[in-house]
Amino acid sequence: MRRGELLGLHWDDVYLDQSYVHLPMTKNGTSRDVPLSPTARQTIEVLPRAISGAVIPVHPEALKGLWRCKVEWARC
């Protein structure tokens, strides 16, 4: 999954009982289902439920900032 797809994922599109997530709109304009590995499924199961309905309630720019910080930290 692309970063934007992951950050745009809502709980309504998560089917843990069937081990997949549904992406209603992808970069190419179509929907698709993405199977979840056992590890991905276990990780998603323990995430807290945000009021917004987002699976990962993080703004893309915030994620970029955190990523840059970790990259700089790893260079030392």
N, C-alpha and C. Protein backbone atom coordinates (compact mmCIF):
# COMPACT_ATOMS: atom_id res chain seq x y z
N MET A 1 0.83 -1.18 0.00
CA MET A 1 0.00 0.00 0.00
C MET A 1 0.88 1.24 0.00
N ARG A 2 0.42 2.26 -0.67
CA ARG A 2 1.11 3.54 -0.65
C ARG A 2 0.85 4.24 0.68
N ARG A 3 1.74 5.18 1.02
CA ARG A 3 1.60 5.92 2.27
C ARG A 3 0.24 6.60 2.37
N GLY A 4 -0.19 7.25 1.30
CA GLY A 4 -1.48 7.94 1.31
C GLY A 4 -2.64 6.98 1.51
N GLU A 5 -2.54 5.79 0.92
CA GLU A 5 -3.59 4.78 1.10
C GLU A 5 -3.64 4.31 2.55
N LEU A 6 -2.49 4.12 3.13
CA LEU A 6 -2.41 3.66 4.51
C LEU A 6 -2.94 4.72 5.47
N LEU A 7 -2.54 5.97 5.26
CA LEU A 7 -2.98 7.04 6.14
C LEU A 7 -4.44 7.41 5.92
N GLY A 8 -5.00 7.06 4.78
CA GLY A 8 -6.40 7.34 4.49
C GLY A 8 -7.33 6.20 4.85
N LEU A 9 -6.80 5.13 5.40
CA LEU A 9 -7.58 3.94 5.72
C LEU A 9 -8.51 4.20 6.91
N HIS A 10 -9.78 3.81 6.76
CA HIS A 10 -10.77 3.95 7.83
C HIS A 10 -11.22 2.57 8.30
N TRP A 11 -11.65 2.52 9.54
CA TRP A 11 -12.07 1.25 10.13
C TRP A 11 -13.21 0.59 9.36
N ASP A 12 -14.04 1.37 8.71
CA ASP A 12 -15.13 0.80 7.92
C ASP A 12 -14.62 -0.06 6.76
N ASP A 13 -13.37 0.15 6.37
CA ASP A 13 -12.79 -0.58 5.25
C ASP A 13 -11.85 -1.71 5.68
N VAL A 14 -11.83 -1.98 6.97
CA VAL A 14 -10.96 -3.04 7.51
C VAL A 14 -11.80 -4.26 7.83
N TYR A 15 -11.42 -5.39 7.28
CA TYR A 15 -12.14 -6.65 7.48
C TYR A 15 -11.18 -7.66 8.12
N LEU A 16 -10.99 -7.51 9.43
CA LEU A 16 -10.04 -8.37 10.13
C LEU A 16 -10.46 -9.83 10.11
N ASP A 17 -11.76 -10.09 10.17
CA ASP A 17 -12.24 -11.47 10.16
C ASP A 17 -11.91 -12.18 8.86
N GLN A 18 -11.73 -11.41 7.79
CA GLN A 18 -11.39 -11.98 6.49
C GLN A 18 -9.96 -11.63 6.07
N SER A 19 -9.24 -10.92 6.92
CA SER A 19 -7.82 -10.57 6.73
C SER A 19 -7.55 -9.76 5.46
N TYR A 20 -8.35 -8.71 5.26
CA TYR A 20 -8.05 -7.79 4.16
C TYR A 20 -8.58 -6.41 4.48
N VAL A 21 -8.07 -5.43 3.74
CA VAL A 21 -8.60 -4.07 3.80
C VAL A 21 -9.05 -3.68 2.40
N HIS A 22 -10.09 -2.90 2.35
CA HIS A 22 -10.63 -2.43 1.08
C HIS A 22 -10.21 -0.98 0.88
N LEU A 23 -9.62 -0.70 -0.26
CA LEU A 23 -9.24 0.67 -0.62
C LEU A 23 -10.25 1.15 -1.65
N PRO A 24 -11.17 2.04 -1.24
CA PRO A 24 -12.23 2.47 -2.17
C PRO A 24 -11.72 3.32 -3.33
N MET A 25 -10.60 4.03 -3.12
CA MET A 25 -10.06 4.86 -4.20
C MET A 25 -8.54 4.81 -4.13
N THR A 26 -7.92 4.36 -5.22
CA THR A 26 -6.47 4.29 -5.29
C THR A 26 -5.96 5.36 -6.25
N LYS A 27 -4.64 5.44 -6.37
CA LYS A 27 -4.02 6.46 -7.21
C LYS A 27 -4.50 6.38 -8.66
N ASN A 28 -4.78 5.18 -9.14
CA ASN A 28 -5.21 5.03 -10.53
C ASN A 28 -6.73 5.15 -10.70
N GLY A 29 -7.44 5.51 -9.59
CA GLY A 29 -8.87 5.78 -9.69
C GLY A 29 -9.79 4.59 -9.52
N THR A 30 -9.25 3.46 -9.16
CA THR A 30 -10.08 2.27 -8.95
C THR A 30 -9.97 1.81 -7.50
N SER A 31 -10.85 0.91 -7.12
CA SER A 31 -10.77 0.33 -5.78
C SER A 31 -10.02 -0.99 -5.85
N ARG A 32 -9.53 -1.43 -4.70
CA ARG A 32 -8.89 -2.75 -4.64
C ARG A 32 -8.90 -3.26 -3.21
N ASP A 33 -8.79 -4.55 -3.08
CA ASP A 33 -8.69 -5.20 -1.78
C ASP A 33 -7.25 -5.63 -1.56
N VAL A 34 -6.74 -5.40 -0.36
CA VAL A 34 -5.36 -5.74 -0.03
C VAL A 34 -5.37 -6.79 1.07
N PRO A 35 -4.82 -7.97 0.80
CA PRO A 35 -4.77 -9.00 1.85
C PRO A 35 -3.80 -8.58 2.96
N LEU A 36 -4.12 -8.99 4.18
CA LEU A 36 -3.28 -8.69 5.33
C LEU A 36 -2.49 -9.92 5.73
N SER A 37 -1.21 -9.73 5.95
CA SER A 37 -0.40 -10.82 6.49
C SER A 37 -0.82 -11.02 7.94
N PRO A 38 -0.49 -12.17 8.53
CA PRO A 38 -0.82 -12.37 9.94
C PRO A 38 -0.23 -11.28 10.84
N THR A 39 0.98 -10.84 10.54
CA THR A 39 1.61 -9.79 11.34
C THR A 39 0.87 -8.46 11.19
N ALA A 40 0.49 -8.11 9.96
CA ALA A 40 -0.26 -6.87 9.73
C ALA A 40 -1.60 -6.93 10.44
N ARG A 41 -2.25 -8.06 10.37
CA ARG A 41 -3.55 -8.21 11.03
C ARG A 41 -3.42 -8.04 12.54
N GLN A 42 -2.43 -8.68 13.14
CA GLN A 42 -2.22 -8.56 14.58
C GLN A 42 -1.89 -7.12 14.97
N THR A 43 -1.14 -6.44 14.15
CA THR A 43 -0.78 -5.04 14.43
C THR A 43 -2.01 -4.16 14.39
N ILE A 44 -2.85 -4.33 13.37
CA ILE A 44 -4.06 -3.52 13.24
C ILE A 44 -5.04 -3.81 14.37
N GLU A 45 -5.13 -5.05 14.79
CA GLU A 45 -6.07 -5.44 15.85
C GLU A 45 -5.84 -4.67 17.15
N VAL A 46 -4.60 -4.35 17.46
CA VAL A 46 -4.31 -3.71 18.75
C VAL A 46 -4.30 -2.18 18.67
N LEU A 47 -4.51 -1.61 17.49
CA LEU A 47 -4.53 -0.15 17.38
C LEU A 47 -5.78 0.41 18.06
N PRO A 48 -5.62 1.56 18.74
CA PRO A 48 -6.80 2.20 19.34
C PRO A 48 -7.71 2.76 18.26
N ARG A 49 -8.99 2.85 18.56
CA ARG A 49 -9.97 3.37 17.61
C ARG A 49 -10.09 4.88 17.79
N ALA A 50 -9.71 5.63 16.75
CA ALA A 50 -9.80 7.09 16.80
C ALA A 50 -11.24 7.52 16.55
N ILE A 51 -11.63 8.61 17.14
CA ILE A 51 -12.97 9.16 16.96
C ILE A 51 -13.23 9.46 15.48
N SER A 52 -12.18 9.86 14.77
CA SER A 52 -12.32 10.22 13.36
C SER A 52 -12.62 9.02 12.47
N GLY A 53 -12.36 7.81 12.96
CA GLY A 53 -12.56 6.61 12.16
C GLY A 53 -11.32 6.20 11.39
N ALA A 54 -10.26 7.02 11.47
CA ALA A 54 -9.02 6.70 10.78
C ALA A 54 -8.28 5.58 11.52
N VAL A 55 -7.72 4.66 10.78
CA VAL A 55 -6.95 3.58 11.39
C VAL A 55 -5.65 4.14 11.96
N ILE A 56 -5.00 5.00 11.20
CA ILE A 56 -3.77 5.66 11.64
C ILE A 56 -4.01 7.16 11.56
N PRO A 57 -4.44 7.78 12.66
CA PRO A 57 -4.81 9.20 12.63
C PRO A 57 -3.60 10.13 12.69
N VAL A 58 -2.78 10.07 11.65
CA VAL A 58 -1.58 10.91 11.55
C VAL A 58 -1.63 11.65 10.23
N HIS A 59 -1.37 12.95 10.28
CA HIS A 59 -1.34 13.76 9.06
C HIS A 59 -0.08 13.39 8.26
N PRO A 60 -0.18 13.31 6.94
CA PRO A 60 0.99 12.93 6.12
C PRO A 60 2.22 13.81 6.38
N GLU A 61 2.03 15.10 6.59
CA GLU A 61 3.18 15.98 6.84
C GLU A 61 3.83 15.67 8.19
N ALA A 62 3.05 15.30 9.17
CA ALA A 62 3.61 14.91 10.46
C ALA A 62 4.46 13.65 10.32
N LEU A 63 3.97 12.71 9.52
CA LEU A 63 4.72 11.49 9.29
C LEU A 63 6.04 11.78 8.58
N LYS A 64 6.01 12.68 7.60
CA LYS A 64 7.25 13.07 6.90
C LYS A 64 8.26 13.65 7.88
N GLY A 65 7.79 14.51 8.79
CA GLY A 65 8.68 15.10 9.78
C GLY A 65 9.30 14.07 10.69
N LEU A 66 8.49 13.13 11.16
CA LEU A 66 9.01 12.06 12.00
C LEU A 66 10.02 11.20 11.25
N TRP A 67 9.74 10.94 9.99
CA TRP A 67 10.65 10.13 9.17
C TRP A 67 11.99 10.83 9.02
N ARG A 68 11.96 12.15 8.70
CA ARG A 68 13.20 12.91 8.55
C ARG A 68 14.01 12.90 9.85
N CYS A 69 13.33 13.05 10.96
CA CYS A 69 13.99 13.04 12.26
C CYS A 69 14.70 11.71 12.50
N LYS A 70 14.03 10.62 12.20
CA LYS A 70 14.63 9.29 12.40
C LYS A 70 15.79 9.05 11.44
N VAL A 71 15.67 9.54 10.22
CA VAL A 71 16.76 9.39 9.25
C VAL A 71 18.01 10.12 9.76
N GLU A 72 17.82 11.36 10.24
CA GLU A 72 18.94 12.12 10.79
C GLU A 72 19.54 11.42 12.00
N TRP A 73 18.69 10.88 12.86
CA TRP A 73 19.16 10.16 14.04
C TRP A 73 19.99 8.94 13.63
N ALA A 74 19.56 8.24 12.58
CA ALA A 74 20.25 7.00 12.15
C ALA A 74 21.61 7.31 11.51
N ARG A 75 21.80 8.51 11.03
CA ARG A 75 23.07 8.88 10.37
C ARG A 75 24.21 9.06 11.38
N CYS A 76 23.90 9.25 12.65
CA CYS A 76 24.94 9.52 13.65
C CYS A 76 25.70 8.28 14.02
